[in-house]
Protein backbone atom coordinates (compact mmCIF):
# COMPACT_ATOMS: atom_id res chain seq x y z
CA UNK A 1 23.28 -10.79 125.13
CA UNK A 2 23.59 -7.35 126.67
CA UNK A 3 25.41 -6.84 129.94
CA UNK A 4 22.95 -6.02 132.71
CA UNK A 5 23.39 -2.93 134.82
CA UNK A 6 25.06 -3.81 138.13
CA UNK A 7 25.89 -2.01 141.34
CA UNK A 8 28.81 0.39 141.00
CA UNK A 9 32.20 -1.13 141.74
CA UNK A 10 33.64 0.04 145.08
CA UNK A 11 37.24 -1.19 144.75
CA UNK A 12 39.53 -2.98 142.34
CA UNK A 13 42.65 -5.11 142.67
CA UNK A 14 45.40 -4.84 140.08
CA UNK A 15 48.79 -6.50 139.47
CA UNK A 16 52.04 -4.59 139.98
CA UNK A 17 55.35 -5.03 138.09
CA UNK A 18 57.07 -6.68 141.08
CA UNK A 19 54.46 -9.44 141.17
CA UNK A 20 52.48 -8.07 144.11
CA UNK A 21 48.86 -6.96 144.01
CA UNK A 22 47.13 -3.94 145.50
CA UNK A 23 43.54 -2.81 146.04
CA UNK A 24 42.28 0.68 145.32
CA UNK A 25 39.05 2.41 146.27
CA UNK A 26 37.02 3.51 143.26
CA UNK A 27 35.79 7.09 143.34
CA UNK A 28 33.28 6.75 140.50
CA UNK A 29 32.45 4.02 138.02
CA UNK A 30 29.75 3.65 135.36
CA UNK A 31 29.17 2.58 131.83
CA UNK A 32 27.13 3.81 128.91
CA UNK A 33 25.64 1.05 126.79
CA UNK A 34 24.58 3.44 124.04
CA UNK A 35 28.05 4.89 123.53
CA UNK A 36 29.88 1.62 124.36
CA UNK A 37 31.98 3.24 127.06
CA UNK A 38 32.90 2.31 130.60
CA UNK A 39 34.96 4.40 132.98
CA UNK A 40 36.19 4.54 136.54
CA UNK A 41 38.25 6.96 138.60
CA UNK A 42 40.46 6.91 141.68
CA UNK A 43 41.90 9.65 143.87
CA UNK A 44 45.68 9.61 144.00
CA UNK A 45 47.14 9.27 147.47
CA UNK A 46 50.82 10.20 147.45
CA UNK A 47 51.19 9.59 151.17
CA UNK A 48 53.99 11.77 152.53
CA UNK A 49 55.51 12.28 149.09
CA UNK A 50 55.61 15.98 148.05
CA UNK A 51 53.68 15.28 144.84
CA UNK A 52 51.59 17.96 143.13
CA UNK A 53 49.17 15.26 141.94
CA UNK A 54 48.31 14.17 145.48
CA UNK A 55 44.52 14.22 145.75
CA UNK A 56 44.01 14.44 141.98
CA UNK A 57 41.30 12.39 140.28
CA UNK A 58 42.66 9.93 137.71
CA UNK A 59 40.08 8.64 135.21
CA UNK A 60 40.33 5.56 132.97
CA UNK A 61 37.79 5.13 130.18
CA UNK A 62 37.51 2.00 128.04
CA UNK A 63 35.72 2.10 124.71
CA UNK A 64 35.05 -0.47 122.01
CA UNK A 65 32.86 -0.56 118.94
CA UNK A 66 30.89 -3.39 120.56
CA UNK A 67 31.68 -3.04 124.26
CA UNK A 68 29.92 -4.08 126.48
CA UNK A 69 28.01 -6.56 124.31
CA UNK A 70 28.87 -10.25 124.44
CA UNK A 71 28.33 -13.27 122.18
CA UNK A 72 26.35 -16.19 123.55
CA UNK A 73 27.08 -19.69 122.25
CA UNK A 74 23.69 -21.02 121.10
CA UNK A 75 25.08 -24.52 120.62
CA UNK A 76 26.16 -24.62 124.23
CA UNK A 77 29.87 -24.98 123.41
CA UNK A 78 32.33 -22.62 125.03
CA UNK A 79 33.65 -19.95 122.68
CA UNK A 80 37.22 -18.80 123.20
CA UNK A 81 37.50 -15.23 124.40
CA UNK A 82 39.19 -12.99 121.89
CA UNK A 83 42.48 -11.28 122.75
CA UNK A 84 41.77 -7.74 121.61
CA UNK A 85 44.33 -5.15 120.75
CA UNK A 86 44.54 -2.61 123.57
CA UNK A 87 45.42 0.97 122.68
CA UNK A 88 46.35 3.38 125.48
CA UNK A 89 45.80 7.09 124.92
CA UNK A 90 46.07 10.29 126.91
CA UNK A 91 42.94 12.34 127.47
CA UNK A 92 42.25 15.69 129.11
CA UNK A 93 44.98 16.74 131.52
CA UNK A 94 47.59 14.24 130.31
CA UNK A 95 50.46 15.94 128.51
CA UNK A 96 51.77 15.28 125.02
CA UNK A 97 55.48 14.73 124.29
CA UNK A 98 56.84 17.47 121.99
CA UNK A 99 60.62 17.05 122.37
CA UNK A 100 62.82 14.02 121.68
CA UNK A 101 64.76 12.24 124.40
CA UNK A 102 61.90 11.08 126.63
CA UNK A 103 60.65 7.55 127.19
CA UNK A 104 57.82 8.07 124.69
CA UNK A 105 58.25 9.43 121.15
CA UNK A 106 57.19 12.89 120.05
CA UNK A 107 53.45 13.09 119.54
CA UNK A 108 52.57 10.40 122.07
CA UNK A 109 50.79 10.90 125.37
CA UNK A 110 53.23 11.27 128.28
CA UNK A 111 52.34 7.90 129.80
CA UNK A 112 55.59 6.05 130.41
CA UNK A 113 56.24 2.40 129.44
CA UNK A 114 55.78 0.88 132.91
CA UNK A 115 52.37 2.51 133.53
CA UNK A 116 51.34 1.48 130.00
CA UNK A 117 52.33 -2.10 130.71
CA UNK A 118 50.44 -2.03 134.01
CA UNK A 119 47.30 -0.75 132.28
CA UNK A 120 47.59 -3.37 129.54
CA UNK A 121 48.05 -6.19 132.06
CA UNK A 122 45.17 -5.04 134.25
CA UNK A 123 42.77 -4.78 131.30
CA UNK A 124 43.88 -8.15 129.92
CA UNK A 125 43.39 -9.72 133.33
CA UNK A 126 39.89 -8.27 133.63
CA UNK A 127 38.96 -9.69 130.24
CA UNK A 128 40.29 -13.11 131.19
CA UNK A 129 38.41 -13.05 134.51
CA UNK A 130 35.15 -12.22 132.75
CA UNK A 131 35.67 -15.04 130.27
CA UNK A 132 36.34 -17.53 133.07
CA UNK A 133 33.27 -16.41 135.01
CA UNK A 134 31.04 -16.44 131.92
CA UNK A 135 32.05 -19.53 129.94
CA UNK A 136 29.08 -19.22 127.57
CA UNK A 137 30.11 -15.74 126.46
CA UNK A 138 33.06 -14.11 124.81
CA UNK A 139 33.81 -10.46 124.35
CA UNK A 140 32.93 -9.45 120.82
CA UNK A 141 35.59 -6.99 119.91
CA UNK A 142 39.04 -6.92 118.36
CA UNK A 143 40.09 -3.58 119.78
CA UNK A 144 39.77 -1.74 123.08
CA UNK A 145 40.84 1.86 123.57
CA UNK A 146 41.86 2.95 127.08
CA UNK A 147 41.99 6.71 127.66
CA UNK A 148 43.65 8.05 130.81
CA UNK A 149 42.56 11.53 131.91
CA UNK A 150 43.36 13.86 134.79
CA UNK A 151 40.66 16.56 134.93
CA UNK A 152 42.91 18.99 136.84
CA UNK A 153 46.05 17.94 134.99
CA UNK A 154 46.57 21.06 132.92
CA UNK A 155 46.58 23.28 136.01
CA UNK A 156 48.71 20.83 138.00
CA UNK A 157 51.29 20.74 135.20
CA UNK A 158 52.01 24.43 135.77
CA UNK A 159 53.59 23.41 139.09
CA UNK A 160 55.97 20.96 137.43
CA UNK A 161 58.94 21.08 135.04
CA UNK A 162 56.97 19.39 132.26
CA UNK A 163 57.08 22.43 129.98
CA UNK A 164 60.89 22.33 129.97
CA UNK A 165 60.90 18.65 129.12
CA UNK A 166 58.56 19.34 126.24
CA UNK A 167 55.49 17.77 127.85
CA UNK A 168 52.63 20.13 127.08
CA UNK A 169 48.96 20.22 127.96
CA UNK A 170 49.01 18.29 131.21
CA UNK A 171 50.91 16.08 133.61
CA UNK A 172 52.94 12.99 132.82
CA UNK A 173 52.14 9.49 134.09
CA UNK A 174 55.49 8.23 135.38
CA UNK A 175 56.67 5.39 137.59
CA UNK A 176 58.83 2.28 137.55
CA UNK A 177 57.20 0.23 140.31
CA UNK A 178 53.64 1.53 140.62
CA UNK A 179 54.27 2.28 144.29
CA UNK A 180 54.64 5.70 145.89
CA UNK A 181 57.10 5.41 148.76
CA UNK A 182 57.02 8.04 151.54
CA UNK A 183 59.29 10.97 150.58
CA UNK A 184 60.43 8.82 147.66
CA UNK A 185 63.33 9.64 145.39
CA UNK A 186 61.53 8.20 142.40
CA UNK A 187 59.83 11.37 141.17
CA UNK A 188 63.00 13.45 141.57
CA UNK A 189 65.40 10.96 140.00
CA UNK A 190 63.03 10.28 137.10
CA UNK A 191 62.81 14.03 136.41
CA UNK A 192 66.59 14.45 136.61
CA UNK A 193 67.15 11.64 134.14
CA UNK A 194 64.40 12.85 131.82
CA UNK A 195 65.89 16.37 131.84
CA UNK A 196 69.29 15.00 130.91
CA UNK A 197 67.78 12.79 128.21
CA UNK A 198 66.20 15.87 126.65
CA UNK A 199 69.49 17.83 126.90
CA UNK A 200 71.36 15.05 125.08
CA UNK A 201 68.65 14.72 122.44
CA UNK A 202 68.96 18.49 121.88
CA UNK A 203 72.67 17.99 121.12
CA UNK A 204 73.97 19.85 124.18
CA UNK A 205 77.35 18.97 125.69
CA UNK A 206 76.93 20.77 129.04
CA UNK A 207 74.28 20.38 131.72
CA UNK A 208 73.38 22.70 134.61
CA UNK A 209 72.16 20.97 137.77
CA UNK A 210 70.60 23.21 140.41
CA UNK A 211 69.30 22.64 143.90
CA UNK A 212 66.29 24.90 143.38
CA UNK A 213 64.57 27.37 141.11
CA UNK A 214 66.33 30.43 142.59
CA UNK A 215 69.75 28.91 141.86
CA UNK A 216 68.67 27.87 138.40
CA UNK A 217 67.32 31.32 137.51
CA UNK A 218 70.56 32.93 138.70
CA UNK A 219 72.56 30.81 136.25
CA UNK A 220 70.06 31.45 133.43
CA UNK A 221 70.29 35.21 134.00
CA UNK A 222 74.08 35.23 133.82
CA UNK A 223 74.90 32.58 131.22
CA UNK A 224 71.80 32.27 128.99
CA UNK A 225 72.15 28.53 128.31
CA UNK A 226 69.29 26.88 126.33
CA UNK A 227 66.35 25.84 128.50
CA UNK A 228 67.07 22.18 127.73
CA UNK A 229 70.46 22.45 129.48
CA UNK A 230 68.89 22.81 132.94
CA UNK A 231 68.12 19.90 135.24
CA UNK A 232 66.66 20.48 138.70
CA UNK A 233 68.45 18.10 141.09
CA UNK A 234 66.70 19.08 144.32
CA UNK A 235 68.60 17.34 147.12
CA UNK A 236 69.93 14.49 144.96
CA UNK A 237 73.43 15.81 144.36
CA UNK A 238 75.24 12.50 143.99
CA UNK A 239 72.56 11.00 141.76
CA UNK A 240 72.55 14.06 139.47
CA UNK A 241 76.34 14.08 139.16
CA UNK A 242 76.44 10.36 138.38
CA UNK A 243 73.69 10.84 135.81
CA UNK A 244 75.64 13.67 134.16
CA UNK A 245 78.60 11.30 133.87
CA UNK A 246 76.41 8.49 132.54
CA UNK A 247 74.94 10.76 129.88
CA UNK A 248 78.42 11.71 128.66
CA UNK A 249 78.24 15.48 129.08
CA UNK A 250 81.47 17.35 128.45
CA UNK A 251 80.88 19.68 131.40
CA UNK A 252 78.54 20.05 134.38
CA UNK A 253 77.57 23.22 136.24
CA UNK A 254 76.47 22.85 139.86
CA UNK A 255 74.36 25.69 141.32
CA UNK A 256 73.22 26.00 144.93
CA UNK A 257 72.76 28.46 147.75
CA UNK A 258 74.97 28.56 150.83
CA UNK A 259 73.72 25.72 153.05
CA UNK A 260 73.52 23.17 150.24
CA UNK A 261 76.82 24.28 148.72
CA UNK A 262 78.56 23.83 152.08
CA UNK A 263 76.94 20.40 152.46
CA UNK A 264 78.17 19.46 149.00
CA UNK A 265 81.66 20.75 149.83
CA UNK A 266 81.57 18.57 152.95
CA UNK A 267 80.79 15.54 150.79
CA UNK A 268 77.11 15.04 151.62
CA UNK A 269 75.57 12.92 148.84
CA UNK A 270 72.00 14.02 149.57
CA UNK A 271 71.49 17.49 150.97
CA UNK A 272 67.96 17.37 152.41
CA UNK A 273 67.82 18.21 156.10
CA UNK A 274 66.31 14.85 157.01
CA UNK A 275 69.49 13.16 155.75
CA UNK A 276 71.51 15.02 158.37
CA UNK A 277 71.03 18.63 159.36
CA UNK A 278 73.96 20.90 158.64
CA UNK A 279 75.31 21.18 162.16
CA UNK A 280 76.73 24.64 162.51
CA UNK A 281 79.61 23.50 164.71
CA UNK A 282 80.78 20.90 162.21
CA UNK A 283 80.33 23.33 159.33
CA UNK A 284 82.36 26.01 161.11
CA UNK A 285 85.18 23.56 161.75
CA UNK A 286 85.13 22.48 158.11
CA UNK A 287 85.27 26.11 156.93
CA UNK A 288 88.16 26.94 159.29
CA UNK A 289 90.07 23.99 157.80
CA UNK A 290 89.46 25.52 154.37
CA UNK A 291 91.31 28.61 155.58
CA UNK A 292 88.25 30.77 156.18
CA UNK A 293 88.78 33.24 159.01
CA UNK A 294 86.18 32.22 161.59
CA UNK A 295 86.89 32.75 165.31
CA UNK A 296 87.62 29.50 167.13
CA UNK A 297 85.16 28.87 169.93
CA UNK A 298 82.45 31.15 168.56
CA UNK A 299 79.05 29.47 168.61
CA UNK A 300 76.94 29.56 165.47
CA UNK A 301 73.34 28.34 165.58
CA UNK A 302 72.67 28.03 161.85
CA UNK A 303 74.49 27.92 158.54
CA UNK A 304 72.88 31.24 157.62
CA UNK A 305 74.46 32.78 160.72
CA UNK A 306 77.87 31.59 159.51
CA UNK A 307 77.17 33.04 156.08
CA UNK A 308 76.16 36.42 157.52
CA UNK A 309 79.27 36.49 159.73
CA UNK A 310 81.58 35.79 156.78
CA UNK A 311 79.93 38.52 154.73
CA UNK A 312 80.05 41.15 157.45
CA UNK A 313 83.02 40.35 159.68
CA UNK A 314 85.76 38.63 157.66
CA UNK A 315 88.41 40.54 155.70
CA UNK A 316 87.85 38.73 152.39
CA UNK A 317 84.36 37.22 152.09
CA UNK A 318 84.69 36.67 148.33
CA UNK A 319 87.70 34.39 148.79
CA UNK A 320 85.78 32.45 151.43
CA UNK A 321 82.87 31.86 149.08
CA UNK A 322 85.21 30.84 146.29
CA UNK A 323 86.93 28.36 148.61
CA UNK A 324 83.61 26.69 149.41
CA UNK A 325 82.76 26.43 145.69
CA UNK A 326 86.17 24.93 144.96
CA UNK A 327 85.73 22.34 147.72
CA UNK A 328 82.31 21.44 146.28
CA UNK A 329 83.89 21.14 142.83
CA UNK A 330 86.49 18.68 144.17
CA UNK A 331 83.79 16.52 145.73
CA UNK A 332 81.65 16.66 142.58
CA UNK A 333 84.51 15.76 140.25
CA UNK A 334 85.25 12.76 142.43
CA UNK A 335 81.80 11.54 141.42
CA UNK A 336 81.83 12.57 137.76
CA UNK A 337 85.35 11.11 137.38
CA UNK A 338 86.59 12.99 134.38
CA UNK A 339 83.72 15.36 133.68
CA UNK A 340 84.74 18.88 134.76
CA UNK A 341 82.37 20.58 137.22
CA UNK A 342 81.98 24.32 137.78
CA UNK A 343 80.31 25.11 141.13
CA UNK A 344 78.30 28.34 141.40
CA UNK A 345 77.25 29.77 144.75
CA UNK A 346 73.99 31.71 144.56
CA UNK A 347 73.18 34.48 147.02
CA UNK A 348 69.94 34.68 148.96
CA UNK A 349 69.04 37.56 146.67
CA UNK A 350 69.23 35.26 143.63
CA UNK A 351 72.56 36.24 142.08
CA UNK A 352 75.70 34.20 141.44
CA UNK A 353 78.01 35.23 144.26
CA UNK A 354 81.07 33.10 143.54
CA UNK A 355 82.25 30.13 141.51
CA UNK A 356 84.91 27.49 141.81
CA UNK A 357 88.48 28.04 140.68
């Protein structure tokens, strides 16, 4: 028999890797009997996470040579539902892997293993539910093809580091839990690890971890390392250093501007302001203990004010900057335990100002 047209689905519940379940509002859903296709879309809600895909439409289309037709048992006996092969593909706006070292091989859509498993389990569950609710019918197909698309994905990808990782033509579908946590580390740490995977697959023995694009570009301009050598760490200093050690790099370069370099020198494992603002008083005391000539009792309101004072009113600002880099190097090498670290301080104008001894 042929599946009758029903009211559009408003929400769906799917299983998650941790064993929990979650419901999602459906933006659009429909099927085309003539072309044997069904599709639905959701709008991604990243919560407070700074995710470029927040608000993007994610579309899943299922197609089969005989979907959505079903076999009816004329004899009245229950036919066993088939267990079709499920192929997962990337459609418009989902990138393709072009470099080795990532979770998926070259040539595959950039949909990571956990999202693939989630899709497979959700589709399999839907098939089983239909079979249980319609005991006189079984799905007549041996193969289902699921295509994931992100209509705005190609434009969104321009705001990511995908091109450096060798993911071209769209965004990547990442994740290890299926859950976006507010201001989560997951997106950052996954990108750090993926960058280092690509660097190792490219045969590189040194990695450059930078707090931001300005710091990264400063190192690129001076040292001309291959693009694959660069990993953006954001605020996750300790994680990036541990990952460099885990990947077995011979050397790590650490690049940051003043405030984050001072935080690193002070032994702050994560340098985002919400994990503890750089209190100017504490920073000034730390710098005085490094031997930097700051006047005792002078009040500084910000780290930038300290920086400007050193540059304009101390007898040897270059030595002061080098001392901060060297302190950051000591902290970093305590984490990498055997992997040498070179710390580079980048000026607000985007040039390397000093490096560790």
